[in-house]
Amino acid sequence: GREGVATIASDDSTSVADSAEGRFTISKDNAK
């Protein structure tokens, strides 16, 4: 099934799945 990998909130707080922790980084560029 589809599983969560990483999320980022409007306040820039992030969450990364245990399987990806330390390897994946989520970020955003609001201007773009």
PDB file of all heavy atoms in Angstrom:
ATOM      1  N   GLY A   1       0.813  -1.193   0.000  1.00  0.00           N
ATOM      2  CA  GLY A   1       0.000   0.000   0.000  1.00  0.00           C
ATOM      3  C   GLY A   1       0.853   1.251   0.000  1.00  0.00           C
ATOM      4  O   GLY A   1       2.067   1.206   0.233  1.00  0.00           O
ATOM      5  N   ARG A   2       0.221   2.377  -0.255  1.00  0.00           N
ATOM      6  CA  ARG A   2       0.950   3.633  -0.248  1.00  0.00           C
ATOM      7  C   ARG A   2       1.294   4.019   1.191  1.00  0.00           C
ATOM      8  O   ARG A   2       0.436   3.980   2.076  1.00  0.00           O
ATOM      9  CB  ARG A   2       0.115   4.725  -0.910  1.00  0.00           C
ATOM     10  CG  ARG A   2       0.888   6.004  -1.186  1.00  0.00           C
ATOM     11  CD  ARG A   2       0.257   6.779  -2.327  1.00  0.00           C
ATOM     12  NE  ARG A   2      -1.113   7.140  -2.057  1.00  0.00           N
ATOM     13  CZ  ARG A   2      -1.959   7.600  -2.977  1.00  0.00           C
ATOM     14  NH1 ARG A   2      -1.556   7.735  -4.236  1.00  0.00           N
ATOM     15  NH2 ARG A   2      -3.197   7.904  -2.635  1.00  0.00           N
ATOM     16  N   GLU A   3       2.548   4.381   1.421  1.00  0.00           N
ATOM     17  CA  GLU A   3       3.012   4.702   2.755  1.00  0.00           C
ATOM     18  C   GLU A   3       3.634   6.088   2.796  1.00  0.00           C
ATOM     19  O   GLU A   3       4.174   6.578   1.807  1.00  0.00           O
ATOM     20  CB  GLU A   3       4.037   3.668   3.235  1.00  0.00           C
ATOM     21  CG  GLU A   3       5.314   3.639   2.411  1.00  0.00           C
ATOM     22  CD  GLU A   3       6.335   2.649   2.929  1.00  0.00           C
ATOM     23  OE1 GLU A   3       6.121   2.087   4.026  1.00  0.00           O
ATOM     24  OE2 GLU A   3       7.354   2.427   2.242  1.00  0.00           O
ATOM     25  N   GLY A   4       3.558   6.706   3.951  1.00  0.00           N
ATOM     26  CA  GLY A   4       4.164   8.008   4.126  1.00  0.00           C
ATOM     27  C   GLY A   4       5.673   7.909   4.185  1.00  0.00           C
ATOM     28  O   GLY A   4       6.225   6.989   4.794  1.00  0.00           O
ATOM     29  N   VAL A   5       6.343   8.862   3.568  1.00  0.00           N
ATOM     30  CA  VAL A   5       7.799   8.934   3.576  1.00  0.00           C
ATOM     31  C   VAL A   5       8.274  10.104   4.428  1.00  0.00           C
ATOM     32  O   VAL A   5       9.111   9.943   5.320  1.00  0.00           O
ATOM     33  CB  VAL A   5       8.363   9.046   2.150  1.00  0.00           C
ATOM     34  CG1 VAL A   5       9.883   9.171   2.185  1.00  0.00           C
ATOM     35  CG2 VAL A   5       7.935   7.851   1.313  1.00  0.00           C
ATOM     36  N   ALA A   6       7.749  11.289   4.151  1.00  0.00           N
ATOM     37  CA  ALA A   6       8.139  12.475   4.891  1.00  0.00           C
ATOM     38  C   ALA A   6       7.092  13.552   4.687  1.00  0.00           C
ATOM     39  O   ALA A   6       6.461  13.622   3.632  1.00  0.00           O
ATOM     40  CB  ALA A   6       9.513  12.985   4.439  1.00  0.00           C
ATOM     41  N   THR A   7       6.909  14.391   5.691  1.00  0.00           N
ATOM     42  CA  THR A   7       5.948  15.487   5.605  1.00  0.00           C
ATOM     43  C   THR A   7       6.565  16.760   6.152  1.00  0.00           C
ATOM     44  O   THR A   7       7.506  16.729   6.947  1.00  0.00           O
ATOM     45  CB  THR A   7       4.648  15.188   6.375  1.00  0.00           C
ATOM     46  OG1 THR A   7       4.934  15.029   7.770  1.00  0.00           O
ATOM     47  CG2 THR A   7       3.985  13.919   5.844  1.00  0.00           C
ATOM     48  N   ILE A   8       6.008  17.886   5.721  1.00  0.00           N
ATOM     49  CA  ILE A   8       6.438  19.186   6.216  1.00  0.00           C
ATOM     50  C   ILE A   8       5.208  20.062   6.361  1.00  0.00           C
ATOM     51  O   ILE A   8       4.349  20.108   5.481  1.00  0.00           O
ATOM     52  CB  ILE A   8       7.496  19.820   5.288  1.00  0.00           C
ATOM     53  CG1 ILE A   8       8.030  21.123   5.889  1.00  0.00           C
ATOM     54  CG2 ILE A   8       6.945  20.043   3.885  1.00  0.00           C
ATOM     55  CD1 ILE A   8       9.295  21.623   5.195  1.00  0.00           C
ATOM     56  N   ALA A   9       5.113  20.753   7.489  1.00  0.00           N
ATOM     57  CA  ALA A   9       3.969  21.587   7.791  1.00  0.00           C
ATOM     58  C   ALA A   9       4.229  23.034   7.403  1.00  0.00           C
ATOM     59  O   ALA A   9       5.344  23.418   7.040  1.00  0.00           O
ATOM     60  CB  ALA A   9       3.633  21.491   9.282  1.00  0.00           C
ATOM     61  N   SER A  10       3.193  23.846   7.501  1.00  0.00           N
ATOM     62  CA  SER A  10       3.311  25.252   7.147  1.00  0.00           C
ATOM     63  C   SER A  10       4.287  25.994   8.047  1.00  0.00           C
ATOM     64  O   SER A  10       4.842  27.017   7.641  1.00  0.00           O
ATOM     65  CB  SER A  10       1.941  25.932   7.190  1.00  0.00           C
ATOM     66  OG  SER A  10       1.349  25.801   8.468  1.00  0.00           O
ATOM     67  N   ASP A  11       4.506  25.480   9.265  1.00  0.00           N
ATOM     68  CA  ASP A  11       5.482  26.087  10.166  1.00  0.00           C
ATOM     69  C   ASP A  11       6.878  25.499   9.980  1.00  0.00           C
ATOM     70  O   ASP A  11       7.771  25.758  10.792  1.00  0.00           O
ATOM     71  CB  ASP A  11       5.040  25.946  11.623  1.00  0.00           C
ATOM     72  CG  ASP A  11       4.992  24.510  12.103  1.00  0.00           C
ATOM     73  OD1 ASP A  11       5.262  23.599  11.309  1.00  0.00           O
ATOM     74  OD2 ASP A  11       4.673  24.299  13.292  1.00  0.00           O
ATOM     75  N   ASP A  12       7.054  24.681   8.945  1.00  0.00           N
ATOM     76  CA  ASP A  12       8.325  24.068   8.556  1.00  0.00           C
ATOM     77  C   ASP A  12       8.740  22.905   9.442  1.00  0.00           C
ATOM     78  O   ASP A  12       9.856  22.396   9.297  1.00  0.00           O
ATOM     79  CB  ASP A  12       9.458  25.092   8.500  1.00  0.00           C
ATOM     80  CG  ASP A  12       9.339  26.040   7.321  1.00  0.00           C
ATOM     81  OD1 ASP A  12       8.701  25.663   6.321  1.00  0.00           O
ATOM     82  OD2 ASP A  12       9.887  27.159   7.407  1.00  0.00           O
ATOM     83  N   SER A  13       7.896  22.480  10.351  1.00  0.00           N
ATOM     84  CA  SER A  13       8.196  21.273  11.101  1.00  0.00           C
ATOM     85  C   SER A  13       8.113  20.070  10.165  1.00  0.00           C
ATOM     86  O   SER A  13       7.285  20.036   9.245  1.00  0.00           O
ATOM     87  CB  SER A  13       7.244  21.108  12.281  1.00  0.00           C
ATOM     88  OG  SER A  13       5.904  20.990  11.842  1.00  0.00           O
ATOM     89  N   THR A  14       8.961  19.092  10.393  1.00  0.00           N
ATOM     90  CA  THR A  14       9.046  17.945   9.494  1.00  0.00           C
ATOM     91  C   THR A  14       8.907  16.642  10.250  1.00  0.00           C
ATOM     92  O   THR A  14       9.137  16.566  11.457  1.00  0.00           O
ATOM     93  CB  THR A  14      10.372  17.933   8.719  1.00  0.00           C
ATOM     94  OG1 THR A  14      11.463  17.806   9.644  1.00  0.00           O
ATOM     95  CG2 THR A  14      10.545  19.212   7.917  1.00  0.00           C
ATOM     96  N   SER A  15       8.535  15.625   9.505  1.00  0.00           N
ATOM     97  CA  SER A  15       8.461  14.284  10.027  1.00  0.00           C
ATOM     98  C   SER A  15       8.932  13.333   8.940  1.00  0.00           C
ATOM     99  O   SER A  15       8.552  13.487   7.778  1.00  0.00           O
ATOM    100  CB  SER A  15       7.031  13.938  10.456  1.00  0.00           C
ATOM    101  OG  SER A  15       6.947  12.616  10.950  1.00  0.00           O
ATOM    102  N   VAL A  16       9.761  12.380   9.307  1.00  0.00           N
ATOM    103  CA  VAL A  16      10.306  11.421   8.357  1.00  0.00           C
ATOM    104  C   VAL A  16      10.026  10.018   8.874  1.00  0.00           C
ATOM    105  O   VAL A  16      10.182   9.747  10.070  1.00  0.00           O
ATOM    106  CB  VAL A  16      11.821  11.624   8.159  1.00  0.00           C
ATOM    107  CG1 VAL A  16      12.370  10.628   7.157  1.00  0.00           C
ATOM    108  CG2 VAL A  16      12.110  13.045   7.699  1.00  0.00           C
ATOM    109  N   ALA A  17       9.616   9.152   7.980  1.00  0.00           N
ATOM    110  CA  ALA A  17       9.336   7.775   8.354  1.00  0.00           C
ATOM    111  C   ALA A  17      10.581   7.106   8.926  1.00  0.00           C
ATOM    112  O   ALA A  17      11.708   7.424   8.536  1.00  0.00           O
ATOM    113  CB  ALA A  17       8.827   6.992   7.152  1.00  0.00           C
ATOM    114  N   ASP A  18      10.362   6.171   9.844  1.00  0.00           N
ATOM    115  CA  ASP A  18      11.491   5.478  10.461  1.00  0.00           C
ATOM    116  C   ASP A  18      12.409   4.844   9.423  1.00  0.00           C
ATOM    117  O   ASP A  18      13.635   4.853   9.572  1.00  0.00           O
ATOM    118  CB  ASP A  18      10.983   4.410  11.429  1.00  0.00           C
ATOM    119  CG  ASP A  18      10.344   4.995  12.671  1.00  0.00           C
ATOM    120  OD1 ASP A  18      10.565   6.183  12.962  1.00  0.00           O
ATOM    121  OD2 ASP A  18       9.627   4.249  13.365  1.00  0.00           O
ATOM    122  N   SER A  19      11.829   4.298   8.366  1.00  0.00           N
ATOM    123  CA  SER A  19      12.614   3.623   7.348  1.00  0.00           C
ATOM    124  C   SER A  19      13.508   4.577   6.565  1.00  0.00           C
ATOM    125  O   SER A  19      14.466   4.138   5.929  1.00  0.00           O
ATOM    126  CB  SER A  19      11.695   2.872   6.380  1.00  0.00           C
ATOM    127  OG  SER A  19      10.821   3.769   5.715  1.00  0.00           O
ATOM    128  N   ALA A  20      13.191   5.866   6.607  1.00  0.00           N
ATOM    129  CA  ALA A  20      13.953   6.857   5.858  1.00  0.00           C
ATOM    130  C   ALA A  20      14.730   7.815   6.747  1.00  0.00           C
ATOM    131  O   ALA A  20      15.510   8.629   6.237  1.00  0.00           O
ATOM    132  CB  ALA A  20      13.017   7.661   4.951  1.00  0.00           C
ATOM    133  N   GLU A  21      14.543   7.731   8.051  1.00  0.00           N
ATOM    134  CA  GLU A  21      15.202   8.638   8.975  1.00  0.00           C
ATOM    135  C   GLU A  21      16.712   8.559   8.816  1.00  0.00           C
ATOM    136  O   GLU A  21      17.301   7.484   8.761  1.00  0.00           O
ATOM    137  CB  GLU A  21      14.803   8.296  10.406  1.00  0.00           C
ATOM    138  CG  GLU A  21      15.388   9.230  11.460  1.00  0.00           C
ATOM    139  CD  GLU A  21      14.831  10.632  11.348  1.00  0.00           C
ATOM    140  OE1 GLU A  21      13.613  10.770  11.111  1.00  0.00           O
ATOM    141  OE2 GLU A  21      15.618  11.598  11.481  1.00  0.00           O
ATOM    142  N   GLY A  22      17.336   9.729   8.739  1.00  0.00           N
ATOM    143  CA  GLY A  22      18.773   9.799   8.586  1.00  0.00           C
ATOM    144  C   GLY A  22      19.244   9.712   7.158  1.00  0.00           C
ATOM    145  O   GLY A  22      20.430   9.969   6.889  1.00  0.00           O
ATOM    146  N   ARG A  23      18.353   9.350   6.244  1.00  0.00           N
ATOM    147  CA  ARG A  23      18.720   9.232   4.837  1.00  0.00           C
ATOM    148  C   ARG A  23      17.971  10.220   3.954  1.00  0.00           C
ATOM    149  O   ARG A  23      18.519  10.697   2.964  1.00  0.00           O
ATOM    150  CB  ARG A  23      18.452   7.815   4.328  1.00  0.00           C
ATOM    151  CG  ARG A  23      19.215   6.735   5.093  1.00  0.00           C
ATOM    152  CD  ARG A  23      19.010   5.358   4.462  1.00  0.00           C
ATOM    153  NE  ARG A  23      17.605   4.942   4.488  1.00  0.00           N
ATOM    154  CZ  ARG A  23      16.875   4.689   3.400  1.00  0.00           C
ATOM    155  NH1 ARG A  23      17.420   4.796   2.192  1.00  0.00           N
ATOM    156  NH2 ARG A  23      15.614   4.311   3.525  1.00  0.00           N
ATOM    157  N   PHE A  24      16.732  10.509   4.300  1.00  0.00           N
ATOM    158  CA  PHE A  24      15.889  11.389   3.493  1.00  0.00           C
ATOM    159  C   PHE A  24      15.678  12.708   4.218  1.00  0.00           C
ATOM    160  O   PHE A  24      15.527  12.743   5.446  1.00  0.00           O
ATOM    161  CB  PHE A  24      14.518  10.763   3.238  1.00  0.00           C
ATOM    162  CG  PHE A  24      14.524   9.560   2.332  1.00  0.00           C
ATOM    163  CD1 PHE A  24      15.698   8.960   1.927  1.00  0.00           C
ATOM    164  CD2 PHE A  24      13.314   9.037   1.884  1.00  0.00           C
ATOM    165  CE1 PHE A  24      15.695   7.849   1.095  1.00  0.00           C
ATOM    166  CE2 PHE A  24      13.298   7.933   1.056  1.00  0.00           C
ATOM    167  CZ  PHE A  24      14.484   7.340   0.655  1.00  0.00           C
ATOM    168  N   THR A  25      15.620  13.786   3.454  1.00  0.00           N
ATOM    169  CA  THR A  25      15.341  15.106   3.991  1.00  0.00           C
ATOM    170  C   THR A  25      14.270  15.780   3.154  1.00  0.00           C
ATOM    171  O   THR A  25      14.402  15.862   1.931  1.00  0.00           O
ATOM    172  CB  THR A  25      16.604  15.985   4.005  1.00  0.00           C
ATOM    173  OG1 THR A  25      17.632  15.356   4.772  1.00  0.00           O
ATOM    174  CG2 THR A  25      16.290  17.347   4.616  1.00  0.00           C
ATOM    175  N   ILE A  26      13.218  16.257   3.800  1.00  0.00           N
ATOM    176  CA  ILE A  26      12.167  16.977   3.107  1.00  0.00           C
ATOM    177  C   ILE A  26      12.362  18.468   3.337  1.00  0.00           C
ATOM    178  O   ILE A  26      12.738  18.900   4.423  1.00  0.00           O
ATOM    179  CB  ILE A  26      10.765  16.523   3.575  1.00  0.00           C
ATOM    180  CG1 ILE A  26       9.671  17.156   2.716  1.00  0.00           C
ATOM    181  CG2 ILE A  26      10.561  16.824   5.060  1.00  0.00           C
ATOM    182  CD1 ILE A  26       8.283  16.576   2.975  1.00  0.00           C
ATOM    183  N   SER A  27      12.122  19.254   2.305  1.00  0.00           N
ATOM    184  CA  SER A  27      12.249  20.698   2.411  1.00  0.00           C
ATOM    185  C   SER A  27      11.332  21.346   1.393  1.00  0.00           C
ATOM    186  O   SER A  27      10.766  20.673   0.524  1.00  0.00           O
ATOM    187  CB  SER A  27      13.701  21.154   2.193  1.00  0.00           C
ATOM    188  OG  SER A  27      14.150  20.814   0.891  1.00  0.00           O
ATOM    189  N   LYS A  28      11.173  22.654   1.496  1.00  0.00           N
ATOM    190  CA  LYS A  28      10.345  23.373   0.548  1.00  0.00           C
ATOM    191  C   LYS A  28      10.904  24.758   0.303  1.00  0.00           C
ATOM    192  O   LYS A  28      11.599  25.335   1.144  1.00  0.00           O
ATOM    193  CB  LYS A  28       8.897  23.463   1.036  1.00  0.00           C
ATOM    194  CG  LYS A  28       8.730  24.183   2.363  1.00  0.00           C
ATOM    195  CD  LYS A  28       7.273  24.209   2.805  1.00  0.00           C
ATOM    196  CE  LYS A  28       7.118  24.897   4.152  1.00  0.00           C
ATOM    197  NZ  LYS A  28       5.708  24.967   4.583  1.00  0.00           N
ATOM    198  N   ASP A  29      10.597  25.273  -0.865  1.00  0.00           N
ATOM    199  CA  ASP A  29      10.941  26.633  -1.239  1.00  0.00           C
ATOM    200  C   ASP A  29       9.620  27.338  -1.498  1.00  0.00           C
ATOM    201  O   ASP A  29       9.012  27.157  -2.555  1.00  0.00           O
ATOM    202  CB  ASP A  29      11.831  26.655  -2.474  1.00  0.00           C
ATOM    203  CG  ASP A  29      12.319  28.041  -2.837  1.00  0.00           C
ATOM    204  OD1 ASP A  29      11.649  29.037  -2.492  1.00  0.00           O
ATOM    205  OD2 ASP A  29      13.386  28.140  -3.471  1.00  0.00           O
ATOM    206  N   ASN A  30       9.171  28.106  -0.538  1.00  0.00           N
ATOM    207  CA  ASN A  30       7.861  28.738  -0.643  1.00  0.00           C
ATOM    208  C   ASN A  30       7.782  29.711  -1.820  1.00  0.00           C
ATOM    209  O   ASN A  30       6.740  29.818  -2.469  1.00  0.00           O
ATOM    210  CB  ASN A  30       7.518  29.464   0.650  1.00  0.00           C
ATOM    211  CG  ASN A  30       7.280  28.522   1.806  1.00  0.00           C
ATOM    212  OD1 ASN A  30       6.800  27.404   1.620  1.00  0.00           O
ATOM    213  ND2 ASN A  30       7.597  28.965   3.014  1.00  0.00           N
ATOM    214  N   ALA A  31       8.872  30.413  -2.093  1.00  0.00           N
ATOM    215  CA  ALA A  31       8.875  31.374  -3.191  1.00  0.00           C
ATOM    216  C   ALA A  31       8.666  30.691  -4.535  1.00  0.00           C
ATOM    217  O   ALA A  31       8.105  31.284  -5.456  1.00  0.00           O
ATOM    218  CB  ALA A  31      10.172  32.170  -3.197  1.00  0.00           C
ATOM    219  N   LYS A  32       9.119  29.459  -4.654  1.00  0.00           N
ATOM    220  CA  LYS A  32       8.983  28.705  -5.892  1.00  0.00           C
ATOM    221  C   LYS A  32       7.831  27.713  -5.862  1.00  0.00           C
ATOM    222  O   LYS A  32       7.616  26.994  -6.840  1.00  0.00           O
ATOM    223  CB  LYS A  32      10.275  27.952  -6.201  1.00  0.00           C
ATOM    224  CG  LYS A  32      11.477  28.851  -6.450  1.00  0.00           C
ATOM    225  CD  LYS A  32      12.720  28.026  -6.773  1.00  0.00           C
ATOM    226  CE  LYS A  32      13.915  28.912  -7.057  1.00  0.00           C
ATOM    227  NZ  LYS A  32      15.136  28.112  -7.366  1.00  0.00           N
TER     228      LYS A  32
END
